[in-house]
C-alpha cells in the first residue's frame, strides 16, 4: 500500500474528498472500521497517534494524528478536523 504524501492535519480542511468509497472489498471495509475503532480507543485512552492513509484531490495522503472520534460517516481529529471514512484507505498503528 502506498503511503502517499505526508500532510499536516491542519491542511486537511482545504482538501476535497472523493464521493465514492476508496475501498471496494467488504472485508477491507470491515477491517478499516475495526482499525478506526481501535485508533479511537488508543487516542482517547493513551493519546496515541496513528497514520491515516486517505485519498483527496485525486491523490493519496498520509497524516500522523490522534483519532478522537469515529462516528457516522467521518472521523474527528484534534482541532475539529474531519475525514470521511469512505476516503480512508488504511489505518496504521505504531
PDB file of N, CA and C in Angstrom:
ATOM      1  N   UNK A   1       0.854  -1.184   0.000  1.00  0.00           N
ATOM      2  CA  UNK A   1       0.000   0.000   0.000  1.00  0.00           C
ATOM      3  C   UNK A   1       0.891   1.235   0.000  1.00  0.00           C
ATOM      4  N   UNK A   2       0.588   2.141  -0.859  1.00  0.00           N
ATOM      5  CA  UNK A   2       1.332   3.399  -0.920  1.00  0.00           C
ATOM      6  C   UNK A   2       0.988   4.265   0.282  1.00  0.00           C
ATOM      7  N   UNK A   3       1.964   4.940   0.788  1.00  0.00           N
ATOM      8  CA  UNK A   3       1.748   5.787   1.958  1.00  0.00           C
ATOM      9  C   UNK A   3       1.334   7.198   1.575  1.00  0.00           C
ATOM     10  N   UNK A   4       1.581   7.612   0.369  1.00  0.00           N
ATOM     11  CA  UNK A   4       1.127   8.918  -0.080  1.00  0.00           C
ATOM     12  C   UNK A   4       1.956  10.066   0.448  1.00  0.00           C
ATOM     13  N   UNK A   5       1.496  11.253   0.174  1.00  0.00           N
ATOM     14  CA  UNK A   5       2.153  12.497   0.549  1.00  0.00           C
ATOM     15  C   UNK A   5       1.864  12.790   2.020  1.00  0.00           C
ATOM     16  N   UNK A   6       2.912  13.033   2.802  1.00  0.00           N
ATOM     17  CA  UNK A   6       2.729  13.373   4.212  1.00  0.00           C
ATOM     18  C   UNK A   6       2.143  14.777   4.313  1.00  0.00           C
ATOM     19  N   UNK A   7       1.106  14.911   5.101  1.00  0.00           N
ATOM     20  CA  UNK A   7       0.383  16.181   5.225  1.00  0.00           C
ATOM     21  C   UNK A   7       0.143  16.470   6.702  1.00  0.00           C
ATOM     22  N   UNK A   8       0.120  17.731   7.062  1.00  0.00           N
ATOM     23  CA  UNK A   8      -0.224  18.134   8.423  1.00  0.00           C
ATOM     24  C   UNK A   8      -1.752  18.145   8.556  1.00  0.00           C
ATOM     25  N   UNK A   9      -2.252  17.809   9.728  1.00  0.00           N
ATOM     26  CA  UNK A   9      -3.707  17.715   9.898  1.00  0.00           C
ATOM     27  C   UNK A   9      -4.416  19.031   9.614  1.00  0.00           C
ATOM     28  N   UNK A  10      -3.756  20.154   9.869  1.00  0.00           N
ATOM     29  CA  UNK A  10      -4.373  21.463   9.636  1.00  0.00           C
ATOM     30  C   UNK A  10      -4.627  21.731   8.149  1.00  0.00           C
ATOM     31  N   UNK A  11      -3.921  21.035   7.279  1.00  0.00           N
ATOM     32  CA  UNK A  11      -4.092  21.204   5.831  1.00  0.00           C
ATOM     33  C   UNK A  11      -5.274  20.406   5.278  1.00  0.00           C
ATOM     34  N   UNK A  12      -5.776  19.468   6.050  1.00  0.00           N
ATOM     35  CA  UNK A  12      -6.840  18.574   5.586  1.00  0.00           C
ATOM     36  C   UNK A  12      -8.114  19.336   5.267  1.00  0.00           C
ATOM     37  N   UNK A  13      -8.424  20.366   6.023  1.00  0.00           N
ATOM     38  CA  UNK A  13      -9.678  21.100   5.828  1.00  0.00           C
ATOM     39  C   UNK A  13      -9.777  21.741   4.437  1.00  0.00           C
ATOM     40  N   UNK A  14      -8.650  21.902   3.747  1.00  0.00           N
ATOM     41  CA  UNK A  14      -8.655  22.513   2.423  1.00  0.00           C
ATOM     42  C   UNK A  14      -8.802  21.500   1.295  1.00  0.00           C
ATOM     43  N   UNK A  15      -8.878  20.217   1.614  1.00  0.00           N
ATOM     44  CA  UNK A  15      -8.928  19.169   0.593  1.00  0.00           C
ATOM     45  C   UNK A  15     -10.360  18.821   0.191  1.00  0.00           C
ATOM     46  N   UNK A  16     -10.491  18.265  -1.012  1.00  0.00           N
ATOM     47  CA  UNK A  16     -11.769  17.733  -1.493  1.00  0.00           C
ATOM     48  C   UNK A  16     -11.662  16.215  -1.517  1.00  0.00           C
ATOM     49  N   UNK A  17     -12.652  15.562  -0.942  1.00  0.00           N
ATOM     50  CA  UNK A  17     -12.637  14.109  -0.812  1.00  0.00           C
ATOM     51  C   UNK A  17     -13.481  13.467  -1.907  1.00  0.00           C
ATOM     52  N   UNK A  18     -13.152  12.216  -2.273  1.00  0.00           N
ATOM     53  CA  UNK A  18     -13.930  11.521  -3.306  1.00  0.00           C
ATOM     54  C   UNK A  18     -15.359  11.249  -2.831  1.00  0.00           C
ATOM     55  N   UNK A  19     -16.267  11.174  -3.793  1.00  0.00           N
ATOM     56  CA  UNK A  19     -17.669  10.888  -3.476  1.00  0.00           C
ATOM     57  C   UNK A  19     -17.926   9.403  -3.232  1.00  0.00           C
ATOM     58  N   UNK A  20     -17.111   8.546  -3.837  1.00  0.00           N
ATOM     59  CA  UNK A  20     -17.267   7.099  -3.700  1.00  0.00           C
ATOM     60  C   UNK A  20     -16.271   6.548  -2.686  1.00  0.00           C
ATOM     61  N   UNK A  21     -16.587   5.402  -2.111  1.00  0.00           N
ATOM     62  CA  UNK A  21     -15.674   4.747  -1.179  1.00  0.00           C
ATOM     63  C   UNK A  21     -14.409   4.320  -1.925  1.00  0.00           C
ATOM     64  N   UNK A  22     -13.248   4.569  -1.342  1.00  0.00           N
ATOM     65  CA  UNK A  22     -11.984   4.193  -1.975  1.00  0.00           C
ATOM     66  C   UNK A  22     -11.726   2.697  -1.864  1.00  0.00           C
ATOM     67  N   UNK A  23     -12.427   2.015  -0.970  1.00  0.00           N
ATOM     68  CA  UNK A  23     -12.322   0.565  -0.838  1.00  0.00           C
ATOM     69  C   UNK A  23     -13.549  -0.087  -1.447  1.00  0.00           C
ATOM     70  N   UNK A  24     -13.331  -1.208  -2.124  1.00  0.00           N
ATOM     71  CA  UNK A  24     -14.473  -1.903  -2.732  1.00  0.00           C
ATOM     72  C   UNK A  24     -14.725  -3.275  -2.108  1.00  0.00           C
ATOM     73  N   UNK A  25     -13.707  -3.842  -1.473  1.00  0.00           N
ATOM     74  CA  UNK A  25     -13.819  -5.163  -0.873  1.00  0.00           C
ATOM     75  C   UNK A  25     -14.468  -5.049   0.512  1.00  0.00           C
ATOM     76  N   UNK A  26     -15.500  -5.828   0.757  1.00  0.00           N
ATOM     77  CA  UNK A  26     -16.235  -5.736   2.029  1.00  0.00           C
ATOM     78  C   UNK A  26     -15.362  -6.100   3.229  1.00  0.00           C
ATOM     79  N   UNK A  27     -14.418  -7.008   3.053  1.00  0.00           N
ATOM     80  CA  UNK A  27     -13.529  -7.374   4.161  1.00  0.00           C
ATOM     81  C   UNK A  27     -12.572  -6.228   4.483  1.00  0.00           C
ATOM     82  N   UNK A  28     -12.106  -5.502   3.474  1.00  0.00           N
ATOM     83  CA  UNK A  28     -11.244  -4.341   3.713  1.00  0.00           C
ATOM     84  C   UNK A  28     -12.023  -3.228   4.417  1.00  0.00           C
ATOM     85  N   UNK A  29     -13.274  -3.051   4.027  1.00  0.00           N
ATOM     86  CA  UNK A  29     -14.125  -2.035   4.654  1.00  0.00           C
ATOM     87  C   UNK A  29     -14.352  -2.378   6.124  1.00  0.00           C
ATOM     88  N   UNK A  30     -14.601  -3.651   6.410  1.00  0.00           N
ATOM     89  CA  UNK A  30     -14.800  -4.096   7.790  1.00  0.00           C
ATOM     90  C   UNK A  30     -13.519  -3.914   8.609  1.00  0.00           C
ATOM     91  N   UNK A  31     -12.363  -4.259   8.025  1.00  0.00           N
ATOM     92  CA  UNK A  31     -11.082  -4.084   8.708  1.00  0.00           C
ATOM     93  C   UNK A  31     -10.817  -2.604   8.986  1.00  0.00           C
ATOM     94  N   UNK A  32     -11.142  -1.737   8.017  1.00  0.00           N
ATOM     95  CA  UNK A  32     -10.943  -0.303   8.211  1.00  0.00           C
ATOM     96  C   UNK A  32     -11.734   0.177   9.426  1.00  0.00           C
ATOM     97  N   UNK A  33     -12.986  -0.265   9.548  1.00  0.00           N
ATOM     98  CA  UNK A  33     -13.804   0.184  10.678  1.00  0.00           C
ATOM     99  C   UNK A  33     -13.249  -0.320  11.999  1.00  0.00           C
ATOM    100  N   UNK A  34     -12.811  -1.571  12.042  1.00  0.00           N
ATOM    101  CA  UNK A  34     -12.215  -2.105  13.271  1.00  0.00           C
ATOM    102  C   UNK A  34     -10.950  -1.340  13.638  1.00  0.00           C
ATOM    103  N   UNK A  35     -10.131  -1.043  12.628  1.00  0.00           N
ATOM    104  CA  UNK A  35      -8.898  -0.284  12.880  1.00  0.00           C
ATOM    105  C   UNK A  35      -9.210   1.136  13.363  1.00  0.00           C
ATOM    106  N   UNK A  36     -10.234   1.756  12.808  1.00  0.00           N
ATOM    107  CA  UNK A  36     -10.627   3.099  13.248  1.00  0.00           C
ATOM    108  C   UNK A  36     -11.135   3.076  14.690  1.00  0.00           C
ATOM    109  N   UNK A  37     -11.896   2.056  15.028  1.00  0.00           N
ATOM    110  CA  UNK A  37     -12.378   1.925  16.412  1.00  0.00           C
ATOM    111  C   UNK A  37     -11.203   1.764  17.379  1.00  0.00           C
ATOM    112  N   UNK A  38     -10.213   0.942  16.994  1.00  0.00           N
ATOM    113  CA  UNK A  38      -9.026   0.747  17.829  1.00  0.00           C
ATOM    114  C   UNK A  38      -8.220   2.040  17.928  1.00  0.00           C
ATOM    115  N   UNK A  39      -8.104   2.775  16.818  1.00  0.00           N
ATOM    116  CA  UNK A  39      -7.370   4.049  16.815  1.00  0.00           C
ATOM    117  C   UNK A  39      -8.045   5.066  17.729  1.00  0.00           C
ATOM    118  N   UNK A  40      -9.381   5.074  17.731  1.00  0.00           N
ATOM    119  CA  UNK A  40     -10.120   5.986  18.601  1.00  0.00           C
ATOM    120  C   UNK A  40      -9.873   5.637  20.070  1.00  0.00           C
ATOM    121  N   UNK A  41      -9.907   4.368  20.407  1.00  0.00           N
ATOM    122  CA  UNK A  41      -9.645   3.949  21.786  1.00  0.00           C
ATOM    123  C   UNK A  41      -8.224   4.305  22.196  1.00  0.00           C
ATOM    124  N   UNK A  42      -7.272   4.081  21.291  1.00  0.00           N
ATOM    125  CA  UNK A  42      -5.886   4.409  21.577  1.00  0.00           C
ATOM    126  C   UNK A  42      -5.728   5.918  21.768  1.00  0.00           C
ATOM    127  N   UNK A  43      -6.409   6.713  20.960  1.00  0.00           N
ATOM    128  CA  UNK A  43      -6.322   8.164  21.071  1.00  0.00           C
ATOM    129  C   UNK A  43      -6.944   8.696  22.346  1.00  0.00           C
ATOM    130  N   UNK A  44      -8.096   8.168  22.690  1.00  0.00           N
ATOM    131  CA  UNK A  44      -8.796   8.657  23.882  1.00  0.00           C
ATOM    132  C   UNK A  44      -8.180   8.160  25.183  1.00  0.00           C
ATOM    133  N   UNK A  45      -7.694   6.933  25.177  1.00  0.00           N
ATOM    134  CA  UNK A  45      -7.161   6.351  26.412  1.00  0.00           C
ATOM    135  C   UNK A  45      -5.691   6.653  26.644  1.00  0.00           C
ATOM    136  N   UNK A  46      -4.912   6.743  25.546  1.00  0.00           N
ATOM    137  CA  UNK A  46      -3.461   6.861  25.695  1.00  0.00           C
ATOM    138  C   UNK A  46      -2.865   8.040  24.920  1.00  0.00           C
ATOM    139  N   UNK A  47      -3.711   8.817  24.257  1.00  0.00           N
ATOM    140  CA  UNK A  47      -3.249   9.927  23.411  1.00  0.00           C
ATOM    141  C   UNK A  47      -2.307   9.432  22.313  1.00  0.00           C
ATOM    142  N   UNK A  48      -2.469   8.162  21.916  1.00  0.00           N
ATOM    143  CA  UNK A  48      -1.608   7.553  20.911  1.00  0.00           C
ATOM    144  C   UNK A  48      -1.956   8.001  19.501  1.00  0.00           C
ATOM    145  N   UNK A  49      -0.919   8.164  18.694  1.00  0.00           N
ATOM    146  CA  UNK A  49      -1.107   8.576  17.303  1.00  0.00           C
ATOM    147  C   UNK A  49      -1.090   7.371  16.377  1.00  0.00           C
ATOM    148  N   UNK A  50      -1.738   7.542  15.235  1.00  0.00           N
ATOM    149  CA  UNK A  50      -1.750   6.556  14.165  1.00  0.00           C
ATOM    150  C   UNK A  50      -1.490   7.283  12.849  1.00  0.00           C
ATOM    151  N   UNK A  51      -1.221   6.510  11.823  1.00  0.00           N
ATOM    152  CA  UNK A  51      -1.166   7.064  10.473  1.00  0.00           C
ATOM    153  C   UNK A  51      -2.495   6.761   9.801  1.00  0.00           C
ATOM    154  N   UNK A  52      -3.094   7.780   9.209  1.00  0.00           N
ATOM    155  CA  UNK A  52      -4.303   7.619   8.416  1.00  0.00           C
ATOM    156  C   UNK A  52      -3.896   7.856   6.962  1.00  0.00           C
ATOM    157  N   UNK A  53      -4.111   6.869   6.127  1.00  0.00           N
ATOM    158  CA  UNK A  53      -3.812   6.991   4.704  1.00  0.00           C
ATOM    159  C   UNK A  53      -5.146   7.160   3.996  1.00  0.00           C
ATOM    160  N   UNK A  54      -5.293   8.270   3.281  1.00  0.00           N
ATOM    161  CA  UNK A  54      -6.583   8.603   2.691  1.00  0.00           C
ATOM    162  C   UNK A  54      -6.399   9.272   1.333  1.00  0.00           C
ATOM    163  N   UNK A  55      -7.491   9.304   0.576  1.00  0.00           N
ATOM    164  CA  UNK A  55      -7.498   9.934  -0.743  1.00  0.00           C
ATOM    165  C   UNK A  55      -8.233  11.264  -0.692  1.00  0.00           C
ATOM    166  N   UNK A  56      -7.698  12.228  -1.418  1.00  0.00           N
ATOM    167  CA  UNK A  56      -8.337  13.536  -1.585  1.00  0.00           C
ATOM    168  C   UNK A  56      -7.661  14.223  -2.762  1.00  0.00           C
ATOM    169  N   UNK A  57      -8.402  15.066  -3.443  1.00  0.00           N
ATOM    170  CA  UNK A  57      -7.846  15.832  -4.564  1.00  0.00           C
ATOM    171  C   UNK A  57      -7.071  14.939  -5.540  1.00  0.00           C
ATOM    172  N   UNK A  58      -7.607  13.751  -5.828  1.00  0.00           N
ATOM    173  CA  UNK A  58      -7.033  12.812  -6.799  1.00  0.00           C
ATOM    174  C   UNK A  58      -5.628  12.342  -6.463  1.00  0.00           C
ATOM    175  N   UNK A  59      -5.291  12.292  -5.169  1.00  0.00           N
ATOM    176  CA  UNK A  59      -4.026  11.705  -4.754  1.00  0.00           C
ATOM    177  C   UNK A  59      -4.184  11.098  -3.365  1.00  0.00           C
ATOM    178  N   UNK A  60      -3.140  10.405  -2.921  1.00  0.00           N
ATOM    179  CA  UNK A  60      -3.160   9.745  -1.626  1.00  0.00           C
ATOM    180  C   UNK A  60      -2.279  10.523  -0.654  1.00  0.00           C
ATOM    181  N   UNK A  61      -2.789  10.699   0.566  1.00  0.00           N
ATOM    182  CA  UNK A  61      -2.097  11.439   1.614  1.00  0.00           C
ATOM    183  C   UNK A  61      -1.946  10.566   2.853  1.00  0.00           C
ATOM    184  N   UNK A  62      -0.972  10.918   3.686  1.00  0.00           N
ATOM    185  CA  UNK A  62      -0.799  10.296   4.997  1.00  0.00           C
ATOM    186  C   UNK A  62      -0.719  11.394   6.040  1.00  0.00           C
ATOM    187  N   UNK A  63      -1.458  11.210   7.128  1.00  0.00           N
ATOM    188  CA  UNK A  63      -1.381  12.131   8.255  1.00  0.00           C
ATOM    189  C   UNK A  63      -1.123  11.312   9.515  1.00  0.00           C
ATOM    190  N   UNK A  64      -0.215  11.795  10.358  1.00  0.00           N
ATOM    191  CA  UNK A  64       0.040  11.181  11.655  1.00  0.00           C
ATOM    192  C   UNK A  64      -0.705  12.005  12.685  1.00  0.00           C
ATOM    193  N   UNK A  65      -1.656  11.366  13.372  1.00  0.00           N
ATOM    194  CA  UNK A  65      -2.559  12.127  14.220  1.00  0.00           C
ATOM    195  C   UNK A  65      -3.202  11.242  15.274  1.00  0.00           C
ATOM    196  N   UNK A  66      -3.926  11.880  16.165  1.00  0.00           N
ATOM    197  CA  UNK A  66      -4.737  11.192  17.162  1.00  0.00           C
ATOM    198  C   UNK A  66      -6.194  11.231  16.704  1.00  0.00           C
ATOM    199  N   UNK A  67      -6.841  10.077  16.706  1.00  0.00           N
ATOM    200  CA  UNK A  67      -8.258   9.998  16.340  1.00  0.00           C
ATOM    201  C   UNK A  67      -9.073  10.158  17.616  1.00  0.00           C
ATOM    202  N   UNK A  68      -9.907  11.213  17.660  1.00  0.00           N
ATOM    203  CA  UNK A  68     -10.732  11.462  18.846  1.00  0.00           C
ATOM    204  C   UNK A  68     -12.083  10.788  18.768  1.00  0.00           C
ATOM    205  N   UNK A  69     -12.641  10.692  17.553  1.00  0.00           N
ATOM    206  CA  UNK A  69     -13.963  10.073  17.407  1.00  0.00           C
ATOM    207  C   UNK A  69     -14.075   9.415  16.046  1.00  0.00           C
ATOM    208  N   UNK A  70     -14.821   8.323  16.027  1.00  0.00           N
ATOM    209  CA  UNK A  70     -15.153   7.629  14.791  1.00  0.00           C
ATOM    210  C   UNK A  70     -16.641   7.328  14.873  1.00  0.00           C
ATOM    211  N   UNK A  71     -17.426   8.173  14.243  1.00  0.00           N
ATOM    212  CA  UNK A  71     -18.878   8.039  14.353  1.00  0.00           C
ATOM    213  C   UNK A  71     -19.532   8.412  13.038  1.00  0.00           C
ATOM    214  N   UNK A  72     -20.574   7.707  12.717  1.00  0.00           N
ATOM    215  CA  UNK A  72     -21.300   8.027  11.496  1.00  0.00           C
ATOM    216  C   UNK A  72     -20.447   7.815  10.272  1.00  0.00           C
ATOM    217  N   UNK A  73     -20.287   8.869   9.498  1.00  0.00           N
ATOM    218  CA  UNK A  73     -19.577   8.739   8.226  1.00  0.00           C
ATOM    219  C   UNK A  73     -18.215   9.410   8.204  1.00  0.00           C
ATOM    220  N   UNK A  74     -17.700   9.830   9.382  1.00  0.00           N
ATOM    221  CA  UNK A  74     -16.399  10.510   9.410  1.00  0.00           C
ATOM    222  C   UNK A  74     -15.657  10.227  10.713  1.00  0.00           C
ATOM    223  N   UNK A  75     -14.354  10.544  10.698  1.00  0.00           N
ATOM    224  CA  UNK A  75     -13.577  10.525  11.928  1.00  0.00           C
ATOM    225  C   UNK A  75     -13.246  11.968  12.276  1.00  0.00           C
ATOM    226  N   UNK A  76     -13.070  12.215  13.559  1.00  0.00           N
ATOM    227  CA  UNK A  76     -12.724  13.556  14.035  1.00  0.00           C
ATOM    228  C   UNK A  76     -11.335  13.522  14.645  1.00  0.00           C
ATOM    229  N   UNK A  77     -10.543  14.507  14.252  1.00  0.00           N
ATOM    230  CA  UNK A  77      -9.195  14.672  14.765  1.00  0.00           C
ATOM    231  C   UNK A  77      -9.158  15.888  15.669  1.00  0.00           C
ATOM    232  N   UNK A  78      -8.088  16.046  16.406  1.00  0.00           N
ATOM    233  CA  UNK A  78      -7.921  17.212  17.261  1.00  0.00           C
ATOM    234  C   UNK A  78      -8.038  18.479  16.417  1.00  0.00           C
ATOM    235  N   UNK A  79      -8.672  19.498  16.966  1.00  0.00           N
ATOM    236  CA  UNK A  79      -8.825  20.763  16.253  1.00  0.00           C
ATOM    237  C   UNK A  79     -10.054  20.817  15.372  1.00  0.00           C
ATOM    238  N   UNK A  80     -10.952  19.837  15.519  1.00  0.00           N
ATOM    239  CA  UNK A  80     -12.192  19.851  14.740  1.00  0.00           C
ATOM    240  C   UNK A  80     -12.025  19.463  13.282  1.00  0.00           C
ATOM    241  N   UNK A  81     -10.940  18.786  12.947  1.00  0.00           N
ATOM    242  CA  UNK A  81     -10.701  18.332  11.576  1.00  0.00           C
ATOM    243  C   UNK A  81     -11.428  17.007  11.380  1.00  0.00           C
ATOM    244  N   UNK A  82     -12.138  16.876  10.255  1.00  0.00           N
ATOM    245  CA  UNK A  82     -12.872  15.651   9.938  1.00  0.00           C
ATOM    246  C   UNK A  82     -12.387  15.059   8.626  1.00  0.00           C
ATOM    247  N   UNK A  83     -12.397  13.731   8.564  1.00  0.00           N
ATOM    248  CA  UNK A  83     -12.099  13.000   7.330  1.00  0.00           C
ATOM    249  C   UNK A  83     -13.231  12.011   7.113  1.00  0.00           C
ATOM    250  N   UNK A  84     -13.835  12.004   5.919  1.00  0.00           N
ATOM    251  CA  UNK A  84     -14.867  10.994   5.647  1.00  0.00           C
ATOM    252  C   UNK A  84     -14.265   9.596   5.717  1.00  0.00           C
ATOM    253  N   UNK A  85     -14.948   8.680   6.357  1.00  0.00           N
ATOM    254  CA  UNK A  85     -14.455   7.311   6.473  1.00  0.00           C
ATOM    255  C   UNK A  85     -14.267   6.688   5.092  1.00  0.00           C
ATOM    256  N   UNK A  86     -15.131   7.008   4.161  1.00  0.00           N
ATOM    257  CA  UNK A  86     -15.038   6.427   2.824  1.00  0.00           C
ATOM    258  C   UNK A  86     -13.800   6.879   2.059  1.00  0.00           C
ATOM    259  N   UNK A  87     -13.101   7.919   2.519  1.00  0.00           N
ATOM    260  CA  UNK A  87     -11.871   8.384   1.874  1.00  0.00           C
ATOM    261  C   UNK A  87     -10.634   7.674   2.432  1.00  0.00           C
ATOM    262  N   UNK A  88     -10.793   6.940   3.535  1.00  0.00           N
ATOM    263  CA  UNK A  88      -9.651   6.314   4.223  1.00  0.00           C
ATOM    264  C   UNK A  88      -9.329   4.961   3.606  1.00  0.00           C
ATOM    265  N   UNK A  89      -8.058   4.799   3.229  1.00  0.00           N
ATOM    266  CA  UNK A  89      -7.567   3.553   2.652  1.00  0.00           C
ATOM    267  C   UNK A  89      -7.048   2.597   3.728  1.00  0.00           C
ATOM    268  N   UNK A  90      -6.365   3.156   4.727  1.00  0.00           N
ATOM    269  CA  UNK A  90      -5.700   2.309   5.710  1.00  0.00           C
ATOM    270  C   UNK A  90      -5.444   3.100   6.992  1.00  0.00           C
ATOM    271  N   UNK A  91      -5.426   2.366   8.101  1.00  0.00           N
ATOM    272  CA  UNK A  91      -5.043   2.914   9.399  1.00  0.00           C
ATOM    273  C   UNK A  91      -3.847   2.103   9.877  1.00  0.00           C
ATOM    274  N   UNK A  92      -2.747   2.792  10.186  1.00  0.00           N
ATOM    275  CA  UNK A  92      -1.523   2.125  10.611  1.00  0.00           C
ATOM    276  C   UNK A  92      -1.223   2.508  12.051  1.00  0.00           C
ATOM    277  N   UNK A  93      -1.187   1.509  12.913  1.00  0.00           N
ATOM    278  CA  UNK A  93      -0.852   1.731  14.317  1.00  0.00           C
ATOM    279  C   UNK A  93       0.667   1.636  14.457  1.00  0.00           C
ATOM    280  N   UNK A  94       1.244   2.501  15.263  1.00  0.00           N
ATOM    281  CA  UNK A  94       2.699   2.414  15.504  1.00  0.00           C
ATOM    282  C   UNK A  94       3.024   2.811  16.916  1.00  0.00           C
TER     283      UNK A  94
END
